[in-house]
PDB file of N, CA and C in Angstrom:
ATOM      1  N   MET A   1      13.035 -67.503   3.436  1.00  0.00           N
ATOM      2  CA  MET A   1      13.353 -66.232   2.839  1.00  0.00           C
ATOM      3  C   MET A   1      14.842 -65.971   3.033  1.00  0.00           C
ATOM      4  N   ILE A   2      15.511 -65.621   1.973  1.00  0.00           N
ATOM      5  CA  ILE A   2      16.953 -65.366   2.022  1.00  0.00           C
ATOM      6  C   ILE A   2      17.202 -63.903   1.718  1.00  0.00           C
ATOM      7  N   PHE A   3      18.003 -63.298   2.559  1.00  0.00           N
ATOM      8  CA  PHE A   3      18.393 -61.907   2.341  1.00  0.00           C
ATOM      9  C   PHE A   3      19.825 -61.873   1.855  1.00  0.00           C
ATOM     10  N   CYS A   4      20.040 -61.102   0.868  1.00  0.00           N
ATOM     11  CA  CYS A   4      21.390 -60.967   0.335  1.00  0.00           C
ATOM     12  C   CYS A   4      21.847 -59.530   0.558  1.00  0.00           C
ATOM     13  N   LEU A   5      22.940 -59.388   1.252  1.00  0.00           N
ATOM     14  CA  LEU A   5      23.499 -58.064   1.499  1.00  0.00           C
ATOM     15  C   LEU A   5      24.660 -57.871   0.543  1.00  0.00           C
ATOM     16  N   ASN A   6      24.442 -57.008  -0.440  1.00  0.00           N
ATOM     17  CA  ASN A   6      25.527 -56.797  -1.396  1.00  0.00           C
ATOM     18  C   ASN A   6      26.664 -56.015  -0.741  1.00  0.00           C
ATOM     19  N   LYS A   7      27.797 -55.990  -1.394  1.00  0.00           N
ATOM     20  CA  LYS A   7      28.988 -55.363  -0.839  1.00  0.00           C
ATOM     21  C   LYS A   7      28.765 -53.881  -0.571  1.00  0.00           C
ATOM     22  N   THR A   8      28.030 -53.221  -1.445  1.00  0.00           N
ATOM     23  CA  THR A   8      27.791 -51.795  -1.252  1.00  0.00           C
ATOM     24  C   THR A   8      26.983 -51.549   0.013  1.00  0.00           C
ATOM     25  N   GLY A   9      26.003 -52.380   0.275  1.00  0.00           N
ATOM     26  CA  GLY A   9      25.210 -52.234   1.492  1.00  0.00           C
ATOM     27  C   GLY A   9      26.054 -52.443   2.732  1.00  0.00           C
ATOM     28  N   ALA A  10      26.920 -53.442   2.692  1.00  0.00           N
ATOM     29  CA  ALA A  10      27.811 -53.700   3.828  1.00  0.00           C
ATOM     30  C   ALA A  10      28.767 -52.536   4.035  1.00  0.00           C
ATOM     31  N   GLU A  11      29.274 -52.009   2.925  1.00  0.00           N
ATOM     32  CA  GLU A  11      30.176 -50.863   3.034  1.00  0.00           C
ATOM     33  C   GLU A  11      29.466 -49.658   3.627  1.00  0.00           C
ATOM     34  N   ARG A  12      28.191 -49.452   3.205  1.00  0.00           N
ATOM     35  CA  ARG A  12      27.418 -48.337   3.750  1.00  0.00           C
ATOM     36  C   ARG A  12      27.192 -48.515   5.241  1.00  0.00           C
ATOM     37  N   MET A  13      26.880 -49.746   5.661  1.00  0.00           N
ATOM     38  CA  MET A  13      26.685 -50.003   7.080  1.00  0.00           C
ATOM     39  C   MET A  13      27.974 -49.751   7.844  1.00  0.00           C
ATOM     40  N   ASP A  14      29.084 -50.228   7.315  1.00  0.00           N
ATOM     41  CA  ASP A  14      30.363 -50.008   7.971  1.00  0.00           C
ATOM     42  C   ASP A  14      30.668 -48.516   8.060  1.00  0.00           C
ATOM     43  N   LYS A  15      30.424 -47.798   6.982  1.00  0.00           N
ATOM     44  CA  LYS A  15      30.683 -46.361   6.969  1.00  0.00           C
ATOM     45  C   LYS A  15      29.789 -45.650   7.982  1.00  0.00           C
ATOM     46  N   ALA A  16      28.520 -46.018   8.053  1.00  0.00           N
ATOM     47  CA  ALA A  16      27.599 -45.410   9.003  1.00  0.00           C
ATOM     48  C   ALA A  16      28.035 -45.694  10.440  1.00  0.00           C
ATOM     49  N   LYS A  17      28.462 -46.938  10.695  1.00  0.00           N
ATOM     50  CA  LYS A  17      28.935 -47.291  12.039  1.00  0.00           C
ATOM     51  C   LYS A  17      30.193 -46.515  12.391  1.00  0.00           C
ATOM     52  N   LYS A  18      31.101 -46.376  11.441  1.00  0.00           N
ATOM     53  CA  LYS A  18      32.332 -45.618  11.680  1.00  0.00           C
ATOM     54  C   LYS A  18      32.029 -44.158  11.974  1.00  0.00           C
ATOM     55  N   GLU A  19      31.112 -43.583  11.195  1.00  0.00           N
ATOM     56  CA  GLU A  19      30.749 -42.189  11.408  1.00  0.00           C
ATOM     57  C   GLU A  19      30.099 -41.993  12.774  1.00  0.00           C
ATOM     58  N   GLU A  20      29.263 -42.922  13.173  1.00  0.00           N
ATOM     59  CA  GLU A  20      28.623 -42.844  14.490  1.00  0.00           C
ATOM     60  C   GLU A  20      29.658 -42.961  15.603  1.00  0.00           C
ATOM     61  N   MET A  21      30.616 -43.856  15.429  1.00  0.00           N
ATOM     62  CA  MET A  21      31.669 -44.027  16.411  1.00  0.00           C
ATOM     63  C   MET A  21      32.526 -42.761  16.511  1.00  0.00           C
ATOM     64  N   LEU A  22      32.873 -42.181  15.361  1.00  0.00           N
ATOM     65  CA  LEU A  22      33.648 -40.939  15.349  1.00  0.00           C
ATOM     66  C   LEU A  22      32.885 -39.812  16.025  1.00  0.00           C
ATOM     67  N   LYS A  23      31.592 -39.760  15.786  1.00  0.00           N
ATOM     68  CA  LYS A  23      30.755 -38.726  16.402  1.00  0.00           C
ATOM     69  C   LYS A  23      30.787 -38.865  17.925  1.00  0.00           C
ATOM     70  N   LYS A  24      30.658 -40.095  18.410  1.00  0.00           N
ATOM     71  CA  LYS A  24      30.707 -40.331  19.854  1.00  0.00           C
ATOM     72  C   LYS A  24      32.075 -39.958  20.426  1.00  0.00           C
ATOM     73  N   MET A  25      33.137 -40.291  19.684  1.00  0.00           N
ATOM     74  CA  MET A  25      34.484 -39.955  20.144  1.00  0.00           C
ATOM     75  C   MET A  25      34.674 -38.438  20.199  1.00  0.00           C
ATOM     76  N   ARG A  26      34.208 -37.742  19.164  1.00  0.00           N
ATOM     77  CA  ARG A  26      34.332 -36.279  19.139  1.00  0.00           C
ATOM     78  C   ARG A  26      33.547 -35.656  20.281  1.00  0.00           C
ATOM     79  N   THR A  27      32.358 -36.175  20.545  1.00  0.00           N
ATOM     80  CA  THR A  27      31.549 -35.642  21.638  1.00  0.00           C
ATOM     81  C   THR A  27      32.271 -35.838  22.959  1.00  0.00           C
ATOM     82  N   GLY A  28      32.820 -37.025  23.164  1.00  0.00           N
ATOM     83  CA  GLY A  28      33.578 -37.287  24.391  1.00  0.00           C
ATOM     84  C   GLY A  28      34.785 -36.391  24.506  1.00  0.00           C
ATOM     85  N   ASN A  29      35.516 -36.221  23.413  1.00  0.00           N
ATOM     86  CA  ASN A  29      36.677 -35.326  23.415  1.00  0.00           C
ATOM     87  C   ASN A  29      36.254 -33.899  23.706  1.00  0.00           C
ATOM     88  N   PHE A  30      35.146 -33.473  23.125  1.00  0.00           N
ATOM     89  CA  PHE A  30      34.654 -32.114  23.323  1.00  0.00           C
ATOM     90  C   PHE A  30      34.390 -31.848  24.798  1.00  0.00           C
ATOM     91  N   ILE A  31      33.728 -32.776  25.448  1.00  0.00           N
ATOM     92  CA  ILE A  31      33.404 -32.629  26.869  1.00  0.00           C
ATOM     93  C   ILE A  31      34.685 -32.595  27.702  1.00  0.00           C
ATOM     94  N   GLU A  32      35.607 -33.509  27.429  1.00  0.00           N
ATOM     95  CA  GLU A  32      36.885 -33.541  28.151  1.00  0.00           C
ATOM     96  C   GLU A  32      37.707 -32.287  27.866  1.00  0.00           C
ATOM     97  N   ASN A  33      37.752 -31.874  26.598  1.00  0.00           N
ATOM     98  CA  ASN A  33      38.522 -30.689  26.221  1.00  0.00           C
ATOM     99  C   ASN A  33      37.966 -29.426  26.878  1.00  0.00           C
ATOM    100  N   ASN A  34      36.646 -29.326  26.949  1.00  0.00           N
ATOM    101  CA  ASN A  34      36.038 -28.168  27.620  1.00  0.00           C
ATOM    102  C   ASN A  34      36.511 -28.079  29.063  1.00  0.00           C
ATOM    103  N   GLY A  35      36.541 -29.218  29.743  1.00  0.00           N
ATOM    104  CA  GLY A  35      37.014 -29.243  31.124  1.00  0.00           C
ATOM    105  C   GLY A  35      38.482 -28.904  31.236  1.00  0.00           C
ATOM    106  N   ALA A  36      39.293 -29.421  30.317  1.00  0.00           N
ATOM    107  CA  ALA A  36      40.733 -29.148  30.351  1.00  0.00           C
ATOM    108  C   ALA A  36      41.022 -27.662  30.143  1.00  0.00           C
ATOM    109  N   VAL A  37      40.327 -27.053  29.188  1.00  0.00           N
ATOM    110  CA  VAL A  37      40.524 -25.621  28.926  1.00  0.00           C
ATOM    111  C   VAL A  37      40.068 -24.804  30.136  1.00  0.00           C
ATOM    112  N   LEU A  38      38.915 -25.143  30.687  1.00  0.00           N
ATOM    113  CA  LEU A  38      38.406 -24.424  31.860  1.00  0.00           C
ATOM    114  C   LEU A  38      39.381 -24.520  33.032  1.00  0.00           C
ATOM    115  N   ARG A  39      39.893 -25.728  33.282  1.00  0.00           N
ATOM    116  CA  ARG A  39      40.832 -25.912  34.397  1.00  0.00           C
ATOM    117  C   ARG A  39      42.132 -25.140  34.162  1.00  0.00           C
ATOM    118  N   ALA A  40      42.614 -25.123  32.922  1.00  0.00           N
ATOM    119  CA  ALA A  40      43.851 -24.399  32.613  1.00  0.00           C
ATOM    120  C   ALA A  40      43.675 -22.900  32.836  1.00  0.00           C
ATOM    121  N   ILE A  41      42.540 -22.375  32.418  1.00  0.00           N
ATOM    122  CA  ILE A  41      42.274 -20.945  32.627  1.00  0.00           C
ATOM    123  C   ILE A  41      42.101 -20.651  34.108  1.00  0.00           C
ATOM    124  N   ASN A  42      41.573 -21.606  34.853  1.00  0.00           N
ATOM    125  CA  ASN A  42      41.330 -21.435  36.283  1.00  0.00           C
ATOM    126  C   ASN A  42      42.623 -21.339  37.101  1.00  0.00           C
ATOM    127  N   ILE A  43      43.732 -21.785  36.540  1.00  0.00           N
ATOM    128  CA  ILE A  43      45.008 -21.736  37.267  1.00  0.00           C
ATOM    129  C   ILE A  43      45.309 -20.319  37.750  1.00  0.00           C
ATOM    130  N   LEU A  44      45.021 -19.332  36.917  1.00  0.00           N
ATOM    131  CA  LEU A  44      45.238 -17.932  37.291  1.00  0.00           C
ATOM    132  C   LEU A  44      43.893 -17.233  37.445  1.00  0.00           C
ATOM    133  N   ARG A  45      43.077 -17.739  38.318  1.00  0.00           N
ATOM    134  CA  ARG A  45      41.686 -17.293  38.433  1.00  0.00           C
ATOM    135  C   ARG A  45      41.542 -15.774  38.566  1.00  0.00           C
ATOM    136  N   GLN A  46      42.389 -15.120  39.332  1.00  0.00           N
ATOM    137  CA  GLN A  46      42.226 -13.681  39.544  1.00  0.00           C
ATOM    138  C   GLN A  46      42.772 -12.857  38.380  1.00  0.00           C
ATOM    139  N   ASN A  47      43.550 -13.474  37.515  1.00  0.00           N
ATOM    140  CA  ASN A  47      44.173 -12.757  36.407  1.00  0.00           C
ATOM    141  C   ASN A  47      43.751 -13.363  35.074  1.00  0.00           C
ATOM    142  N   TYR A  48      44.007 -12.614  34.032  1.00  0.00           N
ATOM    143  CA  TYR A  48      43.797 -13.146  32.679  1.00  0.00           C
ATOM    144  C   TYR A  48      45.033 -13.949  32.283  1.00  0.00           C
ATOM    145  N   ILE A  49      44.834 -14.979  31.481  1.00  0.00           N
ATOM    146  CA  ILE A  49      45.930 -15.791  30.972  1.00  0.00           C
ATOM    147  C   ILE A  49      45.830 -15.809  29.444  1.00  0.00           C
ATOM    148  N   ALA A  50      46.965 -15.664  28.782  1.00  0.00           N
ATOM    149  CA  ALA A  50      46.982 -15.653  27.318  1.00  0.00           C
ATOM    150  C   ALA A  50      46.500 -16.990  26.779  1.00  0.00           C
ATOM    151  N   LEU A  51      45.602 -16.944  25.801  1.00  0.00           N
ATOM    152  CA  LEU A  51      45.090 -18.185  25.216  1.00  0.00           C
ATOM    153  C   LEU A  51      46.206 -18.993  24.559  1.00  0.00           C
ATOM    154  N   LYS A  52      47.226 -18.335  24.025  1.00  0.00           N
ATOM    155  CA  LYS A  52      48.330 -19.084  23.425  1.00  0.00           C
ATOM    156  C   LYS A  52      49.066 -19.896  24.498  1.00  0.00           C
ATOM    157  N   SER A  53      49.130 -19.399  25.729  1.00  0.00           N
ATOM    158  CA  SER A  53      49.743 -20.158  26.823  1.00  0.00           C
ATOM    159  C   SER A  53      48.879 -21.356  27.196  1.00  0.00           C
ATOM    160  N   VAL A  54      47.576 -21.156  27.216  1.00  0.00           N
ATOM    161  CA  VAL A  54      46.655 -22.270  27.507  1.00  0.00           C
ATOM    162  C   VAL A  54      46.788 -23.327  26.424  1.00  0.00           C
ATOM    163  N   ARG A  55      46.817 -22.876  25.175  1.00  0.00           N
ATOM    164  CA  ARG A  55      46.955 -23.807  24.035  1.00  0.00           C
ATOM    165  C   ARG A  55      48.250 -24.603  24.136  1.00  0.00           C
ATOM    166  N   ASN A  56      49.349 -23.942  24.474  1.00  0.00           N
ATOM    167  CA  ASN A  56      50.640 -24.632  24.602  1.00  0.00           C
ATOM    168  C   ASN A  56      50.632 -25.661  25.732  1.00  0.00           C
ATOM    169  N   ALA A  57      49.863 -25.394  26.773  1.00  0.00           N
ATOM    170  CA  ALA A  57      49.787 -26.326  27.905  1.00  0.00           C
ATOM    171  C   ALA A  57      48.965 -27.571  27.567  1.00  0.00           C
ATOM    172  N   LEU A  58      48.102 -27.457  26.574  1.00  0.00           N
ATOM    173  CA  LEU A  58      47.209 -28.568  26.211  1.00  0.00           C
ATOM    174  C   LEU A  58      47.645 -29.180  24.887  1.00  0.00           C
ATOM    175  N   ARG A  59      48.809 -29.736  24.856  1.00  0.00           N
ATOM    176  CA  ARG A  59      49.402 -30.247  23.618  1.00  0.00           C
ATOM    177  C   ARG A  59      48.653 -31.436  23.016  1.00  0.00           C
ATOM    178  N   ASP A  60      47.922 -32.186  23.836  1.00  0.00           N
ATOM    179  CA  ASP A  60      47.196 -33.345  23.307  1.00  0.00           C
ATOM    180  C   ASP A  60      45.840 -32.965  22.705  1.00  0.00           C
ATOM    181  N   VAL A  61      45.498 -31.681  22.736  1.00  0.00           N
ATOM    182  CA  VAL A  61      44.266 -31.165  22.146  1.00  0.00           C
ATOM    183  C   VAL A  61      44.642 -30.450  20.850  1.00  0.00           C
ATOM    184  N   THR A  62      43.974 -30.803  19.753  1.00  0.00           N
ATOM    185  CA  THR A  62      44.290 -30.134  18.486  1.00  0.00           C
ATOM    186  C   THR A  62      43.874 -28.666  18.561  1.00  0.00           C
ATOM    187  N   GLU A  63      44.437 -27.866  17.669  1.00  0.00           N
ATOM    188  CA  GLU A  63      44.104 -26.447  17.665  1.00  0.00           C
ATOM    189  C   GLU A  63      42.610 -26.242  17.418  1.00  0.00           C
ATOM    190  N   GLN A  64      42.038 -26.995  16.493  1.00  0.00           N
ATOM    191  CA  GLN A  64      40.606 -26.846  16.209  1.00  0.00           C
ATOM    192  C   GLN A  64      39.759 -27.245  17.410  1.00  0.00           C
ATOM    193  N   GLU A  65      40.123 -28.322  18.087  1.00  0.00           N
ATOM    194  CA  GLU A  65      39.388 -28.728  19.286  1.00  0.00           C
ATOM    195  C   GLU A  65      39.510 -27.662  20.377  1.00  0.00           C
ATOM    196  N   PHE A  66      40.701 -27.092  20.508  1.00  0.00           N
ATOM    197  CA  PHE A  66      40.928 -26.024  21.484  1.00  0.00           C
ATOM    198  C   PHE A  66      40.018 -24.835  21.188  1.00  0.00           C
ATOM    199  N   LEU A  67      39.999 -24.416  19.923  1.00  0.00           N
ATOM    200  CA  LEU A  67      39.161 -23.275  19.534  1.00  0.00           C
ATOM    201  C   LEU A  67      37.675 -23.573  19.731  1.00  0.00           C
ATOM    202  N   ASP A  68      37.265 -24.804  19.438  1.00  0.00           N
ATOM    203  CA  ASP A  68      35.874 -25.207  19.676  1.00  0.00           C
ATOM    204  C   ASP A  68      35.522 -25.063  21.157  1.00  0.00           C
ATOM    205  N   SER A  69      36.427 -25.492  22.018  1.00  0.00           N
ATOM    206  CA  SER A  69      36.174 -25.419  23.459  1.00  0.00           C
ATOM    207  C   SER A  69      36.152 -23.979  23.952  1.00  0.00           C
ATOM    208  N   VAL A  70      37.119 -23.172  23.509  1.00  0.00           N
ATOM    209  CA  VAL A  70      37.139 -21.763  23.922  1.00  0.00           C
ATOM    210  C   VAL A  70      35.850 -21.078  23.465  1.00  0.00           C
ATOM    211  N   ASN A  71      35.460 -21.339  22.242  1.00  0.00           N
ATOM    212  CA  ASN A  71      34.236 -20.740  21.713  1.00  0.00           C
ATOM    213  C   ASN A  71      33.017 -21.156  22.539  1.00  0.00           C
ATOM    214  N   PHE A  72      32.918 -22.457  22.843  1.00  0.00           N
ATOM    215  CA  PHE A  72      31.799 -22.928  23.653  1.00  0.00           C
ATOM    216  C   PHE A  72      31.814 -22.288  25.038  1.00  0.00           C
ATOM    217  N   LEU A  73      32.961 -22.309  25.711  1.00  0.00           N
ATOM    218  CA  LEU A  73      33.050 -21.769  27.070  1.00  0.00           C
ATOM    219  C   LEU A  73      32.713 -20.280  27.101  1.00  0.00           C
ATOM    220  N   PHE A  74      33.120 -19.559  26.063  1.00  0.00           N
ATOM    221  CA  PHE A  74      32.799 -18.132  25.975  1.00  0.00           C
ATOM    222  C   PHE A  74      31.298 -17.929  25.775  1.00  0.00           C
ATOM    223  N   LYS A  75      30.741 -18.635  24.804  1.00  0.00           N
ATOM    224  CA  LYS A  75      29.316 -18.474  24.512  1.00  0.00           C
ATOM    225  C   LYS A  75      28.430 -18.944  25.666  1.00  0.00           C
ATOM    226  N   ALA A  76      28.900 -19.915  26.432  1.00  0.00           N
ATOM    227  CA  ALA A  76      28.140 -20.406  27.584  1.00  0.00           C
ATOM    228  C   ALA A  76      28.282 -19.472  28.788  1.00  0.00           C
ATOM    229  N   GLY A  77      29.174 -18.498  28.684  1.00  0.00           N
ATOM    230  CA  GLY A  77      29.345 -17.536  29.768  1.00  0.00           C
ATOM    231  C   GLY A  77      30.297 -17.974  30.860  1.00  0.00           C
ATOM    232  N   TYR A  78      31.113 -18.997  30.588  1.00  0.00           N
ATOM    233  CA  TYR A  78      32.042 -19.499  31.597  1.00  0.00           C
ATOM    234  C   TYR A  78      33.375 -18.759  31.609  1.00  0.00           C
ATOM    235  N   ILE A  79      33.736 -18.155  30.491  1.00  0.00           N
ATOM    236  CA  ILE A  79      34.983 -17.390  30.429  1.00  0.00           C
ATOM    237  C   ILE A  79      34.722 -16.022  29.815  1.00  0.00           C
ATOM    238  N   GLU A  80      35.615 -15.101  30.142  1.00  0.00           N
ATOM    239  CA  GLU A  80      35.605 -13.775  29.545  1.00  0.00           C
ATOM    240  C   GLU A  80      36.880 -13.642  28.736  1.00  0.00           C
ATOM    241  N   LEU A  81      36.791 -12.960  27.609  1.00  0.00           N
ATOM    242  CA  LEU A  81      37.947 -12.760  26.737  1.00  0.00           C
ATOM    243  C   LEU A  81      38.238 -11.277  26.598  1.00  0.00           C
ATOM    244  N   GLN A  82      39.518 -10.953  26.474  1.00  0.00           N
ATOM    245  CA  GLN A  82      39.916  -9.580  26.195  1.00  0.00           C
ATOM    246  C   GLN A  82      41.175  -9.590  25.344  1.00  0.00           C
ATOM    247  N   HIS A  83      41.403  -8.460  24.662  1.00  0.00           N
ATOM    248  CA  HIS A  83      42.613  -8.313  23.854  1.00  0.00           C
ATOM    249  C   HIS A  83      43.807  -8.108  24.779  1.00  0.00           C
ATOM    250  N   ILE A  84      44.897  -8.782  24.491  1.00  0.00           N
ATOM    251  CA  ILE A  84      46.108  -8.635  25.293  1.00  0.00           C
ATOM    252  C   ILE A  84      46.610  -7.195  25.177  1.00  0.00           C
ATOM    253  N   GLY A  85      46.915  -6.603  26.306  1.00  0.00           N
ATOM    254  CA  GLY A  85      47.484  -5.256  26.326  1.00  0.00           C
ATOM    255  C   GLY A  85      46.465  -4.135  26.405  1.00  0.00           C
ATOM    256  N   THR A  86      45.366  -4.250  25.674  1.00  0.00           N
ATOM    257  CA  THR A  86      44.385  -3.159  25.668  1.00  0.00           C
ATOM    258  C   THR A  86      43.259  -3.381  26.660  1.00  0.00           C
ATOM    259  N   GLU A  87      43.088  -4.628  27.098  1.00  0.00           N
ATOM    260  CA  GLU A  87      42.021  -5.017  28.028  1.00  0.00           C
ATOM    261  C   GLU A  87      40.630  -4.716  27.471  1.00  0.00           C
ATOM    262  N   THR A  88      40.534  -4.614  26.153  1.00  0.00           N
ATOM    263  CA  THR A  88      39.249  -4.415  25.499  1.00  0.00           C
ATOM    264  C   THR A  88      38.535  -5.758  25.402  1.00  0.00           C
ATOM    265  N   PRO A  89      37.264  -5.833  25.836  1.00  0.00           N
ATOM    266  CA  PRO A  89      36.534  -7.097  25.703  1.00  0.00           C
ATOM    267  C   PRO A  89      36.574  -7.595  24.259  1.00  0.00           C
ATOM    268  N   ALA A  90      36.634  -8.911  24.111  1.00  0.00           N
ATOM    269  CA  ALA A  90      36.794  -9.493  22.771  1.00  0.00           C
ATOM    270  C   ALA A  90      35.891 -10.695  22.590  1.00  0.00           C
ATOM    271  N   ARG A  91      35.756 -11.074  21.333  1.00  0.00           N
ATOM    272  CA  ARG A  91      35.089 -12.307  20.929  1.00  0.00           C
ATOM    273  C   ARG A  91      36.124 -13.133  20.188  1.00  0.00           C
ATOM    274  N   LEU A  92      35.937 -14.420  20.180  1.00  0.00           N
ATOM    275  CA  LEU A  92      36.871 -15.289  19.475  1.00  0.00           C
ATOM    276  C   LEU A  92      36.711 -15.174  17.963  1.00  0.00           C
ATOM    277  N   SER A  93      35.470 -15.046  17.505  1.00  0.00           N
ATOM    278  CA  SER A  93      35.237 -15.000  16.065  1.00  0.00           C
ATOM    279  C   SER A  93      35.861 -13.737  15.461  1.00  0.00           C
ATOM    280  N   GLY A  94      36.594 -13.956  14.389  1.00  0.00           N
ATOM    281  CA  GLY A  94      37.213 -12.839  13.684  1.00  0.00           C
ATOM    282  C   GLY A  94      38.486 -12.325  14.315  1.00  0.00           C
ATOM    283  N   THR A  95      38.979 -12.983  15.343  1.00  0.00           N
ATOM    284  CA  THR A  95      40.186 -12.541  16.031  1.00  0.00           C
ATOM    285  C   THR A  95      41.146 -13.718  16.172  1.00  0.00           C
ATOM    286  N   ASP A  96      42.413 -13.477  15.962  1.00  0.00           N
ATOM    287  CA  ASP A  96      43.433 -14.503  16.175  1.00  0.00           C
ATOM    288  C   ASP A  96      43.515 -14.777  17.677  1.00  0.00           C
ATOM    289  N   TYR A  97      43.281 -16.012  18.070  1.00  0.00           N
ATOM    290  CA  TYR A  97      43.260 -16.339  19.497  1.00  0.00           C
ATOM    291  C   TYR A  97      44.573 -16.007  20.194  1.00  0.00           C
ATOM    292  N   LYS A  98      45.661 -15.946  19.441  1.00  0.00           N
ATOM    293  CA  LYS A  98      46.962 -15.641  20.040  1.00  0.00           C
ATOM    294  C   LYS A  98      47.047 -14.206  20.535  1.00  0.00           C
ATOM    295  N   LEU A  99      46.078 -13.393  20.166  1.00  0.00           N
ATOM    296  CA  LEU A  99      46.030 -11.995  20.593  1.00  0.00           C
ATOM    297  C   LEU A  99      45.074 -11.779  21.764  1.00  0.00           C
ATOM    298  N   LEU A 100      44.513 -12.882  22.276  1.00  0.00           N
ATOM    299  CA  LEU A 100      43.510 -12.792  23.335  1.00  0.00           C
ATOM    300  C   LEU A 100      43.968 -13.456  24.619  1.00  0.00           C
ATOM    301  N   GLU A 101      43.358 -13.030  25.707  1.00  0.00           N
ATOM    302  CA  GLU A 101      43.566 -13.669  27.003  1.00  0.00           C
ATOM    303  C   GLU A 101      42.205 -13.911  27.642  1.00  0.00           C
ATOM    304  N   ALA A 102      42.172 -14.841  28.583  1.00  0.00           N
ATOM    305  CA  ALA A 102      40.898 -15.267  29.170  1.00  0.00           C
ATOM    306  C   ALA A 102      40.997 -15.370  30.679  1.00  0.00           C
ATOM    307  N   THR A 103      39.851 -15.261  31.305  1.00  0.00           N
ATOM    308  CA  THR A 103      39.701 -15.521  32.733  1.00  0.00           C
ATOM    309  C   THR A 103      38.336 -16.159  32.939  1.00  0.00           C
ATOM    310  N   LEU A 104      38.153 -16.797  34.083  1.00  0.00           N
ATOM    311  CA  LEU A 104      36.843 -17.366  34.379  1.00  0.00           C
ATOM    312  C   LEU A 104      35.877 -16.248  34.751  1.00  0.00           C
ATOM    313  N   SER A 105      34.658 -16.391  34.290  1.00  0.00           N
ATOM    314  CA  SER A 105      33.587 -15.488  34.713  1.00  0.00           C
ATOM    315  C   SER A 105      33.068 -15.983  36.062  1.00  0.00           C
ATOM    316  N   GLU A 106      32.159 -15.243  36.635  1.00  0.00           N
ATOM    317  CA  GLU A 106      31.535 -15.672  37.887  1.00  0.00           C
ATOM    318  C   GLU A 106      30.869 -17.039  37.697  1.00  0.00           C
ATOM    319  N   LYS A 107      30.217 -17.212  36.548  1.00  0.00           N
ATOM    320  CA  LYS A 107      29.560 -18.489  36.244  1.00  0.00           C
ATOM    321  C   LYS A 107      30.595 -19.607  36.078  1.00  0.00           C
ATOM    322  N   GLY A 108      31.734 -19.293  35.473  1.00  0.00           N
ATOM    323  CA  GLY A 108      32.804 -20.269  35.305  1.00  0.00           C
ATOM    324  C   GLY A 108      33.400 -20.701  36.631  1.00  0.00           C
ATOM    325  N   ILE A 109      33.507 -19.756  37.562  1.00  0.00           N
ATOM    326  CA  ILE A 109      34.015 -20.072  38.903  1.00  0.00           C
ATOM    327  C   ILE A 109      33.038 -21.003  39.615  1.00  0.00           C
ATOM    328  N   ARG A 110      31.748 -20.723  39.470  1.00  0.00           N
ATOM    329  CA  ARG A 110      30.736 -21.596  40.078  1.00  0.00           C
ATOM    330  C   ARG A 110      30.791 -23.005  39.483  1.00  0.00           C
ATOM    331  N   LEU A 111      30.996 -23.087  38.166  1.00  0.00           N
ATOM    332  CA  LEU A 111      31.101 -24.391  37.505  1.00  0.00           C
ATOM    333  C   LEU A 111      32.339 -25.138  37.998  1.00  0.00           C
ATOM    334  N   SER A 112      33.479 -24.471  38.024  1.00  0.00           N
ATOM    335  CA  SER A 112      34.710 -25.152  38.451  1.00  0.00           C
ATOM    336  C   SER A 112      34.668 -25.528  39.927  1.00  0.00           C
ATOM    337  N   GLY A 113      33.900 -24.784  40.717  1.00  0.00           N
ATOM    338  CA  GLY A 113      33.757 -25.090  42.142  1.00  0.00           C
ATOM    339  C   GLY A 113      32.698 -26.128  42.446  1.00  0.00           C
ATOM    340  N   GLY A 114      31.964 -26.571  41.429  1.00  0.00           N
ATOM    341  CA  GLY A 114      30.967 -27.614  41.617  1.00  0.00           C
ATOM    342  C   GLY A 114      29.600 -27.118  42.037  1.00  0.00           C
ATOM    343  N   GLU A 115      29.420 -25.804  42.112  1.00  0.00           N
ATOM    344  CA  GLU A 115      28.105 -25.275  42.515  1.00  0.00           C
ATOM    345  C   GLU A 115      27.061 -25.491  41.420  1.00  0.00           C
ATOM    346  N   ILE A 116      27.508 -25.391  40.157  1.00  0.00           N
ATOM    347  CA  ILE A 116      26.616 -25.691  39.054  1.00  0.00           C
ATOM    348  C   ILE A 116      27.255 -26.780  38.209  1.00  0.00           C
ATOM    349  N   GLN A 117      26.448 -27.436  37.379  1.00  0.00           N
ATOM    350  CA  GLN A 117      26.958 -28.504  36.530  1.00  0.00           C
ATOM    351  C   GLN A 117      26.553 -28.258  35.079  1.00  0.00           C
ATOM    352  N   ASP A 118      27.374 -28.770  34.187  1.00  0.00           N
ATOM    353  CA  ASP A 118      27.097 -28.696  32.754  1.00  0.00           C
ATOM    354  C   ASP A 118      27.551 -30.030  32.162  1.00  0.00           C
ATOM    355  N   LYS A 119      26.647 -30.723  31.506  1.00  0.00           N
ATOM    356  CA  LYS A 119      26.969 -32.034  30.958  1.00  0.00           C
ATOM    357  C   LYS A 119      28.002 -31.963  29.835  1.00  0.00           C
ATOM    358  N   LEU A 120      28.257 -30.764  29.318  1.00  0.00           N
ATOM    359  CA  LEU A 120      29.241 -30.607  28.243  1.00  0.00           C
ATOM    360  C   LEU A 120      30.613 -30.162  28.754  1.00  0.00           C
ATOM    361  N   VAL A 121      30.783 -30.113  30.076  1.00  0.00           N
ATOM    362  CA  VAL A 121      32.081 -29.743  30.640  1.00  0.00           C
ATOM    363  C   VAL A 121      32.448 -30.757  31.715  1.00  0.00           C
ATOM    364  N   ASP A 122      33.568 -31.441  31.510  1.00  0.00           N
ATOM    365  CA  ASP A 122      34.053 -32.423  32.489  1.00  0.00           C
ATOM    366  C   ASP A 122      35.004 -31.721  33.435  1.00  0.00           C
ATOM    367  N   VAL A 123      34.440 -31.231  34.534  1.00  0.00           N
ATOM    368  CA  VAL A 123      35.241 -30.516  35.528  1.00  0.00           C
ATOM    369  C   VAL A 123      35.850 -31.533  36.443  1.00  0.00           C
TER     370      VAL A 123
END
């Protein structure tokens, strides 16, 4: 029995493998980026730090990856967000991140201290 793999099938396999590889890379970056953002915010644990300052410190992380991590950390309860100057609690959605500042929540402090673990955050 002879199997013939036409060029389109090979291209589809290559494309599927590439997409799977990219997915794995993005997942790995996401986990690493979550840890990097958490650690950067932890530098000023007792105070809020402007998200634009955190973003500037993490130059090897794209803006979209940064926003993905901030959004995840906020929704997971690891960070708290507020508007700069007004100290009004904030959400990332619908707000320019450059107008927000963050601090670790009690849960975020426990995560950074190793008391709890999260497979999506590389502390």
